[in-house]
Amino acid sequence: MDGFTKAAEPFNGRDSRGRFCPGTRPGPGRPRGSGRAARLRESMLAAIRVGDARAVVKALVAEAKQGRVAAAKLLVEVIKQHELVEIEQRLAHLEEQICRRD
């Protein structure tokens, strides 16, 4: 076998050194909610009752009103995260509607 004839290999998006070629699309990555943080969140949510959560939120708001910076930062972060989740849910819903039309 000379150096020029090579068995046809399926193109896998990599060059001869194993690096990705320009224009190769990335894979889907790890599914959302499959990590340790998601498992921790699920176990915490399972342990908290509705009344407990309300009491914690009321206490956090009271602390923020008294000038506790850490409590205020936490409230702002929770609100921002909630807004991001809502936006992601809306986008997913719109994507589903678009896919159904096609």
PDB file of N, CA and C in Angstrom:
ATOM      1  N   MET A   1       0.854  -1.182   0.000  1.00  0.00           N
ATOM      2  CA  MET A   1       0.000   0.000   0.000  1.00  0.00           C
ATOM      3  C   MET A   1       0.888   1.228   0.000  1.00  0.00           C
ATOM      4  N   ASP A   2       0.726   2.098  -0.998  1.00  0.00           N
ATOM      5  CA  ASP A   2       1.539   3.313  -1.011  1.00  0.00           C
ATOM      6  C   ASP A   2       0.966   4.350  -0.060  1.00  0.00           C
ATOM      7  N   GLY A   3       1.660   5.453   0.165  1.00  0.00           N
ATOM      8  CA  GLY A   3       1.255   6.457   1.128  1.00  0.00           C
ATOM      9  C   GLY A   3       0.057   7.285   0.703  1.00  0.00           C
ATOM     10  N   PHE A   4      -0.393   7.113  -0.561  1.00  0.00           N
ATOM     11  CA  PHE A   4      -1.472   7.960  -1.054  1.00  0.00           C
ATOM     12  C   PHE A   4      -2.837   7.297  -1.026  1.00  0.00           C
ATOM     13  N   THR A   5      -2.865   6.001  -1.008  1.00  0.00           N
ATOM     14  CA  THR A   5      -4.154   5.326  -0.990  1.00  0.00           C
ATOM     15  C   THR A   5      -4.510   4.991   0.448  1.00  0.00           C
ATOM     16  N   LYS A   6      -5.642   5.422   0.815  1.00  0.00           N
ATOM     17  CA  LYS A   6      -6.097   5.206   2.186  1.00  0.00           C
ATOM     18  C   LYS A   6      -7.540   4.732   2.121  1.00  0.00           C
ATOM     19  N   ALA A   7      -7.871   3.838   2.994  1.00  0.00           N
ATOM     20  CA  ALA A   7      -9.243   3.357   3.018  1.00  0.00           C
ATOM     21  C   ALA A   7     -10.172   4.521   3.316  1.00  0.00           C
ATOM     22  N   ALA A   8     -11.308   4.526   2.651  1.00  0.00           N
ATOM     23  CA  ALA A   8     -12.264   5.621   2.848  1.00  0.00           C
ATOM     24  C   ALA A   8     -12.833   5.550   4.260  1.00  0.00           C
ATOM     25  N   GLU A   9     -12.584   6.591   5.020  1.00  0.00           N
ATOM     26  CA  GLU A   9     -13.118   6.669   6.377  1.00  0.00           C
ATOM     27  C   GLU A   9     -14.247   7.695   6.393  1.00  0.00           C
ATOM     28  N   PRO A  10     -15.275   7.447   7.159  1.00  0.00           N
ATOM     29  CA  PRO A  10     -16.351   8.439   7.230  1.00  0.00           C
ATOM     30  C   PRO A  10     -15.825   9.723   7.868  1.00  0.00           C
ATOM     31  N   PHE A  11     -16.276  10.844   7.359  1.00  0.00           N
ATOM     32  CA  PHE A  11     -15.836  12.143   7.880  1.00  0.00           C
ATOM     33  C   PHE A  11     -16.469  12.356   9.248  1.00  0.00           C
ATOM     34  N   ASN A  12     -15.632  12.563  10.254  1.00  0.00           N
ATOM     35  CA  ASN A  12     -16.140  12.759  11.611  1.00  0.00           C
ATOM     36  C   ASN A  12     -15.945  14.188  12.110  1.00  0.00           C
ATOM     37  N   GLY A  13     -15.583  15.091  11.206  1.00  0.00           N
ATOM     38  CA  GLY A  13     -15.430  16.488  11.594  1.00  0.00           C
ATOM     39  C   GLY A  13     -14.074  16.826  12.170  1.00  0.00           C
ATOM     40  N   ARG A  14     -13.126  15.881  12.100  1.00  0.00           N
ATOM     41  CA  ARG A  14     -11.792  16.119  12.653  1.00  0.00           C
ATOM     42  C   ARG A  14     -10.735  15.952  11.580  1.00  0.00           C
ATOM     43  N   ASP A  15      -9.615  16.645  11.775  1.00  0.00           N
ATOM     44  CA  ASP A  15      -8.517  16.505  10.829  1.00  0.00           C
ATOM     45  C   ASP A  15      -7.650  15.311  11.220  1.00  0.00           C
ATOM     46  N   SER A  16      -6.527  15.131  10.536  1.00  0.00           N
ATOM     47  CA  SER A  16      -5.672  13.966  10.780  1.00  0.00           C
ATOM     48  C   SER A  16      -5.048  13.972  12.168  1.00  0.00           C
ATOM     49  N   ARG A  17      -4.988  15.145  12.813  1.00  0.00           N
ATOM     50  CA  ARG A  17      -4.420  15.240  14.160  1.00  0.00           C
ATOM     51  C   ARG A  17      -5.493  15.182  15.246  1.00  0.00           C
ATOM     52  N   GLY A  18      -6.750  14.980  14.845  1.00  0.00           N
ATOM     53  CA  GLY A  18      -7.824  14.847  15.823  1.00  0.00           C
ATOM     54  C   GLY A  18      -8.489  16.159  16.214  1.00  0.00           C
ATOM     55  N   ARG A  19      -8.055  17.268  15.611  1.00  0.00           N
ATOM     56  CA  ARG A  19      -8.651  18.562  15.926  1.00  0.00           C
ATOM     57  C   ARG A  19      -9.911  18.770  15.091  1.00  0.00           C
ATOM     58  N   PHE A  20     -10.833  19.562  15.631  1.00  0.00           N
ATOM     59  CA  PHE A  20     -12.057  19.848  14.888  1.00  0.00           C
ATOM     60  C   PHE A  20     -11.743  20.725  13.691  1.00  0.00           C
ATOM     61  N   CYS A  21     -12.364  20.402  12.569  1.00  0.00           N
ATOM     62  CA  CYS A  21     -12.188  21.186  11.346  1.00  0.00           C
ATOM     63  C   CYS A  21     -13.072  22.425  11.400  1.00  0.00           C
ATOM     64  N   PRO A  22     -12.673  23.481  10.694  1.00  0.00           N
ATOM     65  CA  PRO A  22     -13.525  24.673  10.651  1.00  0.00           C
ATOM     66  C   PRO A  22     -14.895  24.327  10.088  1.00  0.00           C
ATOM     67  N   GLY A  23     -15.922  24.881  10.690  1.00  0.00           N
ATOM     68  CA  GLY A  23     -17.286  24.656  10.231  1.00  0.00           C
ATOM     69  C   GLY A  23     -17.963  23.448  10.845  1.00  0.00           C
ATOM     70  N   THR A  24     -17.242  22.692  11.673  1.00  0.00           N
ATOM     71  CA  THR A  24     -17.848  21.533  12.320  1.00  0.00           C
ATOM     72  C   THR A  24     -18.794  22.014  13.407  1.00  0.00           C
ATOM     73  N   ARG A  25     -20.008  21.525  13.362  1.00  0.00           N
ATOM     74  CA  ARG A  25     -21.014  21.948  14.351  1.00  0.00           C
ATOM     75  C   ARG A  25     -20.767  21.252  15.679  1.00  0.00           C
ATOM     76  N   PRO A  26     -20.988  21.960  16.786  1.00  0.00           N
ATOM     77  CA  PRO A  26     -20.796  21.329  18.098  1.00  0.00           C
ATOM     78  C   PRO A  26     -21.916  20.345  18.397  1.00  0.00           C
ATOM     79  N   GLY A  27     -21.645  19.432  19.309  1.00  0.00           N
ATOM     80  CA  GLY A  27     -22.652  18.463  19.730  1.00  0.00           C
ATOM     81  C   GLY A  27     -23.656  19.102  20.671  1.00  0.00           C
ATOM     82  N   PRO A  28     -24.663  18.342  21.101  1.00  0.00           N
ATOM     83  CA  PRO A  28     -25.718  18.901  21.946  1.00  0.00           C
ATOM     84  C   PRO A  28     -25.272  19.191  23.376  1.00  0.00           C
ATOM     85  N   GLY A  29     -24.169  18.594  23.818  1.00  0.00           N
ATOM     86  CA  GLY A  29     -23.718  18.823  25.187  1.00  0.00           C
ATOM     87  C   GLY A  29     -24.496  17.992  26.194  1.00  0.00           C
ATOM     88  N   ARG A  30     -24.249  18.297  27.450  1.00  0.00           N
ATOM     89  CA  ARG A  30     -24.917  17.558  28.520  1.00  0.00           C
ATOM     90  C   ARG A  30     -26.335  18.086  28.672  1.00  0.00           C
ATOM     91  N   PRO A  31     -27.315  17.200  28.864  1.00  0.00           N
ATOM     92  CA  PRO A  31     -28.696  17.659  29.034  1.00  0.00           C
ATOM     93  C   PRO A  31     -28.858  18.527  30.271  1.00  0.00           C
ATOM     94  N   ARG A  32     -29.681  19.534  30.165  1.00  0.00           N
ATOM     95  CA  ARG A  32     -29.920  20.432  31.285  1.00  0.00           C
ATOM     96  C   ARG A  32     -30.621  19.664  32.412  1.00  0.00           C
ATOM     97  N   GLY A  33     -30.186  19.929  33.615  1.00  0.00           N
ATOM     98  CA  GLY A  33     -30.799  19.293  34.775  1.00  0.00           C
ATOM     99  C   GLY A  33     -30.259  17.911  35.075  1.00  0.00           C
ATOM    100  N   SER A  34     -29.100  17.552  34.519  1.00  0.00           N
ATOM    101  CA  SER A  34     -28.569  16.216  34.752  1.00  0.00           C
ATOM    102  C   SER A  34     -27.413  16.207  35.746  1.00  0.00           C
ATOM    103  N   GLY A  35     -27.056  17.348  36.297  1.00  0.00           N
ATOM    104  CA  GLY A  35     -25.896  17.432  37.171  1.00  0.00           C
ATOM    105  C   GLY A  35     -26.229  17.371  38.646  1.00  0.00           C
ATOM    106  N   ARG A  36     -25.190  17.561  39.452  1.00  0.00           N
ATOM    107  CA  ARG A  36     -25.345  17.503  40.905  1.00  0.00           C
ATOM    108  C   ARG A  36     -26.241  18.619  41.414  1.00  0.00           C
ATOM    109  N   ALA A  37     -26.116  19.816  40.832  1.00  0.00           N
ATOM    110  CA  ALA A  37     -26.935  20.943  41.288  1.00  0.00           C
ATOM    111  C   ALA A  37     -28.418  20.645  41.100  1.00  0.00           C
ATOM    112  N   ALA A  38     -28.770  20.000  40.004  1.00  0.00           N
ATOM    113  CA  ALA A  38     -30.175  19.667  39.754  1.00  0.00           C
ATOM    114  C   ALA A  38     -30.679  18.655  40.772  1.00  0.00           C
ATOM    115  N   ARG A  39     -29.852  17.667  41.085  1.00  0.00           N
ATOM    116  CA  ARG A  39     -30.260  16.671  42.089  1.00  0.00           C
ATOM    117  C   ARG A  39     -30.409  17.311  43.466  1.00  0.00           C
ATOM    118  N   LEU A  40     -29.495  18.208  43.801  1.00  0.00           N
ATOM    119  CA  LEU A  40     -29.585  18.911  45.084  1.00  0.00           C
ATOM    120  C   LEU A  40     -30.849  19.761  45.139  1.00  0.00           C
ATOM    121  N   ARG A  41     -31.131  20.479  44.046  1.00  0.00           N
ATOM    122  CA  ARG A  41     -32.326  21.309  43.981  1.00  0.00           C
ATOM    123  C   ARG A  41     -33.583  20.474  44.146  1.00  0.00           C
ATOM    124  N   GLU A  42     -33.630  19.330  43.483  1.00  0.00           N
ATOM    125  CA  GLU A  42     -34.792  18.449  43.585  1.00  0.00           C
ATOM    126  C   GLU A  42     -34.995  17.940  45.008  1.00  0.00           C
ATOM    127  N   SER A  43     -33.916  17.556  45.672  1.00  0.00           N
ATOM    128  CA  SER A  43     -34.049  17.042  47.037  1.00  0.00           C
ATOM    129  C   SER A  43     -34.452  18.152  48.001  1.00  0.00           C
ATOM    130  N   MET A  44     -33.951  19.366  47.775  1.00  0.00           N
ATOM    131  CA  MET A  44     -34.344  20.488  48.631  1.00  0.00           C
ATOM    132  C   MET A  44     -35.820  20.817  48.437  1.00  0.00           C
ATOM    133  N   LEU A  45     -36.264  20.844  47.195  1.00  0.00           N
ATOM    134  CA  LEU A  45     -37.664  21.146  46.924  1.00  0.00           C
ATOM    135  C   LEU A  45     -38.592  20.081  47.490  1.00  0.00           C
ATOM    136  N   ALA A  46     -38.135  18.837  47.486  1.00  0.00           N
ATOM    137  CA  ALA A  46     -38.960  17.769  48.037  1.00  0.00           C
ATOM    138  C   ALA A  46     -39.090  17.886  49.551  1.00  0.00           C
ATOM    139  N   ALA A  47     -38.084  18.478  50.207  1.00  0.00           N
ATOM    140  CA  ALA A  47     -38.087  18.575  51.672  1.00  0.00           C
ATOM    141  C   ALA A  47     -38.826  19.810  52.185  1.00  0.00           C
ATOM    142  N   ILE A  48     -39.041  20.797  51.335  1.00  0.00           N
ATOM    143  CA  ILE A  48     -39.657  22.053  51.769  1.00  0.00           C
ATOM    144  C   ILE A  48     -41.156  22.020  51.507  1.00  0.00           C
ATOM    145  N   ARG A  49     -41.917  22.404  52.512  1.00  0.00           N
ATOM    146  CA  ARG A  49     -43.366  22.526  52.356  1.00  0.00           C
ATOM    147  C   ARG A  49     -43.695  23.942  51.929  1.00  0.00           C
ATOM    148  N   VAL A  50     -44.901  24.136  51.401  1.00  0.00           N
ATOM    149  CA  VAL A  50     -45.310  25.455  50.910  1.00  0.00           C
ATOM    150  C   VAL A  50     -45.245  26.486  52.030  1.00  0.00           C
ATOM    151  N   GLY A  51     -45.760  26.164  53.208  1.00  0.00           N
ATOM    152  CA  GLY A  51     -45.740  27.100  54.325  1.00  0.00           C
ATOM    153  C   GLY A  51     -44.328  27.453  54.759  1.00  0.00           C
ATOM    154  N   ASP A  52     -43.425  26.462  54.709  1.00  0.00           N
ATOM    155  CA  ASP A  52     -42.031  26.710  55.062  1.00  0.00           C
ATOM    156  C   ASP A  52     -41.395  27.698  54.094  1.00  0.00           C
ATOM    157  N   ALA A  53     -41.638  27.499  52.816  1.00  0.00           N
ATOM    158  CA  ALA A  53     -41.052  28.370  51.803  1.00  0.00           C
ATOM    159  C   ALA A  53     -41.548  29.803  51.971  1.00  0.00           C
ATOM    160  N   ARG A  54     -42.832  29.969  52.245  1.00  0.00           N
ATOM    161  CA  ARG A  54     -43.363  31.318  52.453  1.00  0.00           C
ATOM    162  C   ARG A  54     -42.715  31.982  53.661  1.00  0.00           C
ATOM    163  N   ALA A  55     -42.533  31.241  54.733  1.00  0.00           N
ATOM    164  CA  ALA A  55     -41.916  31.792  55.936  1.00  0.00           C
ATOM    165  C   ALA A  55     -40.467  32.215  55.666  1.00  0.00           C
ATOM    166  N   VAL A  56     -39.756  31.411  54.907  1.00  0.00           N
ATOM    167  CA  VAL A  56     -38.369  31.745  54.574  1.00  0.00           C
ATOM    168  C   VAL A  56     -38.314  33.006  53.721  1.00  0.00           C
ATOM    169  N   VAL A  57     -39.193  33.101  52.739  1.00  0.00           N
ATOM    170  CA  VAL A  57     -39.207  34.277  51.863  1.00  0.00           C
ATOM    171  C   VAL A  57     -39.569  35.530  52.662  1.00  0.00           C
ATOM    172  N   LYS A  58     -40.551  35.422  53.554  1.00  0.00           N
ATOM    173  CA  LYS A  58     -40.933  36.577  54.380  1.00  0.00           C
ATOM    174  C   LYS A  58     -39.768  37.020  55.254  1.00  0.00           C
ATOM    175  N   ALA A  59     -39.056  36.066  55.844  1.00  0.00           N
ATOM    176  CA  ALA A  59     -37.905  36.405  56.675  1.00  0.00           C
ATOM    177  C   ALA A  59     -36.802  37.050  55.841  1.00  0.00           C
ATOM    178  N   LEU A  60     -36.597  36.564  54.631  1.00  0.00           N
ATOM    179  CA  LEU A  60     -35.576  37.123  53.746  1.00  0.00           C
ATOM    180  C   LEU A  60     -35.925  38.557  53.355  1.00  0.00           C
ATOM    181  N   VAL A  61     -37.193  38.795  53.040  1.00  0.00           N
ATOM    182  CA  VAL A  61     -37.641  40.150  52.696  1.00  0.00           C
ATOM    183  C   VAL A  61     -37.472  41.080  53.894  1.00  0.00           C
ATOM    184  N   ALA A  62     -37.814  40.610  55.088  1.00  0.00           N
ATOM    185  CA  ALA A  62     -37.665  41.432  56.293  1.00  0.00           C
ATOM    186  C   ALA A  62     -36.203  41.788  56.520  1.00  0.00           C
ATOM    187  N   GLU A  63     -35.313  40.827  56.321  1.00  0.00           N
ATOM    188  CA  GLU A  63     -33.874  41.089  56.485  1.00  0.00           C
ATOM    189  C   GLU A  63     -33.393  42.119  55.459  1.00  0.00           C
ATOM    190  N   ALA A  64     -33.849  41.991  54.225  1.00  0.00           N
ATOM    191  CA  ALA A  64     -33.448  42.939  53.182  1.00  0.00           C
ATOM    192  C   ALA A  64     -33.954  44.336  53.502  1.00  0.00           C
ATOM    193  N   LYS A  65     -35.165  44.440  54.021  1.00  0.00           N
ATOM    194  CA  LYS A  65     -35.727  45.747  54.384  1.00  0.00           C
ATOM    195  C   LYS A  65     -34.960  46.395  55.523  1.00  0.00           C
ATOM    196  N   GLN A  66     -34.354  45.578  56.382  1.00  0.00           N
ATOM    197  CA  GLN A  66     -33.571  46.114  57.489  1.00  0.00           C
ATOM    198  C   GLN A  66     -32.166  46.522  57.063  1.00  0.00           C
ATOM    199  N   GLY A  67     -31.861  46.340  55.799  1.00  0.00           N
ATOM    200  CA  GLY A  67     -30.573  46.785  55.281  1.00  0.00           C
ATOM    201  C   GLY A  67     -29.520  45.704  55.184  1.00  0.00           C
ATOM    202  N   ARG A  68     -29.881  44.458  55.348  1.00  0.00           N
ATOM    203  CA  ARG A  68     -28.919  43.367  55.219  1.00  0.00           C
ATOM    204  C   ARG A  68     -28.613  43.170  53.734  1.00  0.00           C
ATOM    205  N   VAL A  69     -27.407  43.505  53.359  1.00  0.00           N
ATOM    206  CA  VAL A  69     -27.016  43.486  51.945  1.00  0.00           C
ATOM    207  C   VAL A  69     -27.077  42.076  51.368  1.00  0.00           C
ATOM    208  N   ALA A  70     -26.645  41.095  52.125  1.00  0.00           N
ATOM    209  CA  ALA A  70     -26.649  39.716  51.620  1.00  0.00           C
ATOM    210  C   ALA A  70     -28.069  39.254  51.296  1.00  0.00           C
ATOM    211  N   ALA A  71     -29.027  39.620  52.149  1.00  0.00           N
ATOM    212  CA  ALA A  71     -30.419  39.245  51.902  1.00  0.00           C
ATOM    213  C   ALA A  71     -30.949  39.941  50.654  1.00  0.00           C
ATOM    214  N   ALA A  72     -30.610  41.209  50.500  1.00  0.00           N
ATOM    215  CA  ALA A  72     -31.054  41.958  49.319  1.00  0.00           C
ATOM    216  C   ALA A  72     -30.452  41.366  48.044  1.00  0.00           C
ATOM    217  N   LYS A  73     -29.164  41.018  48.084  1.00  0.00           N
ATOM    218  CA  LYS A  73     -28.514  40.421  46.917  1.00  0.00           C
ATOM    219  C   LYS A  73     -29.174  39.096  46.548  1.00  0.00           C
ATOM    220  N   LEU A  74     -29.475  38.300  47.563  1.00  0.00           N
ATOM    221  CA  LEU A  74     -30.115  37.010  47.309  1.00  0.00           C
ATOM    222  C   LEU A  74     -31.489  37.196  46.675  1.00  0.00           C
ATOM    223  N   LEU A  75     -32.249  38.159  47.168  1.00  0.00           N
ATOM    224  CA  LEU A  75     -33.576  38.420  46.585  1.00  0.00           C
ATOM    225  C   LEU A  75     -33.460  38.840  45.124  1.00  0.00           C
ATOM    226  N   VAL A  76     -32.523  39.736  44.844  1.00  0.00           N
ATOM    227  CA  VAL A  76     -32.340  40.199  43.460  1.00  0.00           C
ATOM    228  C   VAL A  76     -31.928  39.033  42.561  1.00  0.00           C
ATOM    229  N   GLU A  77     -31.036  38.187  43.050  1.00  0.00           N
ATOM    230  CA  GLU A  77     -30.588  37.043  42.260  1.00  0.00           C
ATOM    231  C   GLU A  77     -31.729  36.069  41.980  1.00  0.00           C
ATOM    232  N   VAL A  78     -32.562  35.820  42.968  1.00  0.00           N
ATOM    233  CA  VAL A  78     -33.700  34.914  42.787  1.00  0.00           C
ATOM    234  C   VAL A  78     -34.678  35.495  41.766  1.00  0.00           C
ATOM    235  N   ILE A  79     -34.923  36.791  41.853  1.00  0.00           N
ATOM    236  CA  ILE A  79     -35.842  37.429  40.906  1.00  0.00           C
ATOM    237  C   ILE A  79     -35.284  37.354  39.489  1.00  0.00           C
ATOM    238  N   LYS A  80     -33.988  37.638  39.332  1.00  0.00           N
ATOM    239  CA  LYS A  80     -33.372  37.564  38.006  1.00  0.00           C
ATOM    240  C   LYS A  80     -33.438  36.144  37.459  1.00  0.00           C
ATOM    241  N   GLN A  81     -33.148  35.162  38.297  1.00  0.00           N
ATOM    242  CA  GLN A  81     -33.186  33.763  37.852  1.00  0.00           C
ATOM    243  C   GLN A  81     -34.592  33.372  37.432  1.00  0.00           C
ATOM    244  N   HIS A  82     -35.584  33.819  38.196  1.00  0.00           N
ATOM    245  CA  HIS A  82     -36.976  33.509  37.857  1.00  0.00           C
ATOM    246  C   HIS A  82     -37.335  34.088  36.496  1.00  0.00           C
ATOM    247  N   GLU A  83     -36.888  35.320  36.234  1.00  0.00           N
ATOM    248  CA  GLU A  83     -37.170  35.944  34.947  1.00  0.00           C
ATOM    249  C   GLU A  83     -36.488  35.180  33.817  1.00  0.00           C
ATOM    250  N   LEU A  84     -35.256  34.708  34.038  1.00  0.00           N
ATOM    251  CA  LEU A  84     -34.554  33.945  33.012  1.00  0.00           C
ATOM    252  C   LEU A  84     -35.269  32.636  32.712  1.00  0.00           C
ATOM    253  N   VAL A  85     -35.765  31.981  33.741  1.00  0.00           N
ATOM    254  CA  VAL A  85     -36.489  30.724  33.545  1.00  0.00           C
ATOM    255  C   VAL A  85     -37.760  30.975  32.738  1.00  0.00           C
ATOM    256  N   GLU A  86     -38.466  32.061  33.057  1.00  0.00           N
ATOM    257  CA  GLU A  86     -39.675  32.383  32.300  1.00  0.00           C
ATOM    258  C   GLU A  86     -39.354  32.641  30.835  1.00  0.00           C
ATOM    259  N   ILE A  87     -38.283  33.362  30.574  1.00  0.00           N
ATOM    260  CA  ILE A  87     -37.886  33.657  29.201  1.00  0.00           C
ATOM    261  C   ILE A  87     -37.529  32.360  28.469  1.00  0.00           C
ATOM    262  N   GLU A  88     -36.773  31.470  29.128  1.00  0.00           N
ATOM    263  CA  GLU A  88     -36.403  30.205  28.499  1.00  0.00           C
ATOM    264  C   GLU A  88     -37.630  29.359  28.195  1.00  0.00           C
ATOM    265  N   GLN A  89     -38.601  29.364  29.095  1.00  0.00           N
ATOM    266  CA  GLN A  89     -39.822  28.597  28.867  1.00  0.00           C
ATOM    267  C   GLN A  89     -40.607  29.174  27.693  1.00  0.00           C
ATOM    268  N   ARG A  90     -40.676  30.484  27.601  1.00  0.00           N
ATOM    269  CA  ARG A  90     -41.382  31.117  26.470  1.00  0.00           C
ATOM    270  C   ARG A  90     -40.697  30.781  25.159  1.00  0.00           C
ATOM    271  N   LEU A  91     -39.352  30.844  25.143  1.00  0.00           N
ATOM    272  CA  LEU A  91     -38.618  30.526  23.924  1.00  0.00           C
ATOM    273  C   LEU A  91     -38.838  29.070  23.507  1.00  0.00           C
ATOM    274  N   ALA A  92     -38.813  28.173  24.462  1.00  0.00           N
ATOM    275  CA  ALA A  92     -39.039  26.758  24.146  1.00  0.00           C
ATOM    276  C   ALA A  92     -40.440  26.557  23.563  1.00  0.00           C
ATOM    277  N   HIS A  93     -41.417  27.245  24.131  1.00  0.00           N
ATOM    278  CA  HIS A  93     -42.787  27.140  23.635  1.00  0.00           C
ATOM    279  C   HIS A  93     -42.879  27.664  22.201  1.00  0.00           C
ATOM    280  N   LEU A  94     -42.246  28.799  21.940  1.00  0.00           N
ATOM    281  CA  LEU A  94     -42.262  29.361  20.590  1.00  0.00           C
ATOM    282  C   LEU A  94     -41.555  28.448  19.595  1.00  0.00           C
ATOM    283  N   GLU A  95     -40.440  27.849  20.015  1.00  0.00           N
ATOM    284  CA  GLU A  95     -39.719  26.919  19.130  1.00  0.00           C
ATOM    285  C   GLU A  95     -40.595  25.712  18.793  1.00  0.00           C
ATOM    286  N   GLU A  96     -41.327  25.213  19.774  1.00  0.00           N
ATOM    287  CA  GLU A  96     -42.219  24.090  19.508  1.00  0.00           C
ATOM    288  C   GLU A  96     -43.294  24.475  18.501  1.00  0.00           C
ATOM    289  N   GLN A  97     -43.858  25.678  18.652  1.00  0.00           N
ATOM    290  CA  GLN A  97     -44.890  26.131  17.724  1.00  0.00           C
ATOM    291  C   GLN A  97     -44.336  26.260  16.307  1.00  0.00           C
ATOM    292  N   ILE A  98     -43.104  26.778  16.185  1.00  0.00           N
ATOM    293  CA  ILE A  98     -42.485  26.938  14.875  1.00  0.00           C
ATOM    294  C   ILE A  98     -42.230  25.581  14.246  1.00  0.00           C
ATOM    295  N   CYS A  99     -41.752  24.632  15.050  1.00  0.00           N
ATOM    296  CA  CYS A  99     -41.467  23.288  14.514  1.00  0.00           C
ATOM    297  C   CYS A  99     -42.750  22.599  14.051  1.00  0.00           C
ATOM    298  N   ARG A 100     -43.840  22.830  14.749  1.00  0.00           N
ATOM    299  CA  ARG A 100     -45.116  22.216  14.354  1.00  0.00           C
ATOM    300  C   ARG A 100     -45.604  22.752  13.021  1.00  0.00           C
ATOM    301  N   ARG A 101     -45.327  24.022  12.743  1.00  0.00           N
ATOM    302  CA  ARG A 101     -45.760  24.625  11.475  1.00  0.00           C
ATOM    303  C   ARG A 101     -45.004  24.046  10.296  1.00  0.00           C
ATOM    304  N   ASP A 102     -43.734  23.690  10.531  1.00  0.00           N
ATOM    305  CA  ASP A 102     -42.884  23.196   9.416  1.00  0.00           C
ATOM    306  C   ASP A 102     -43.203  21.821   9.010  1.00  0.00           C
TER     307      ASP A 102
END
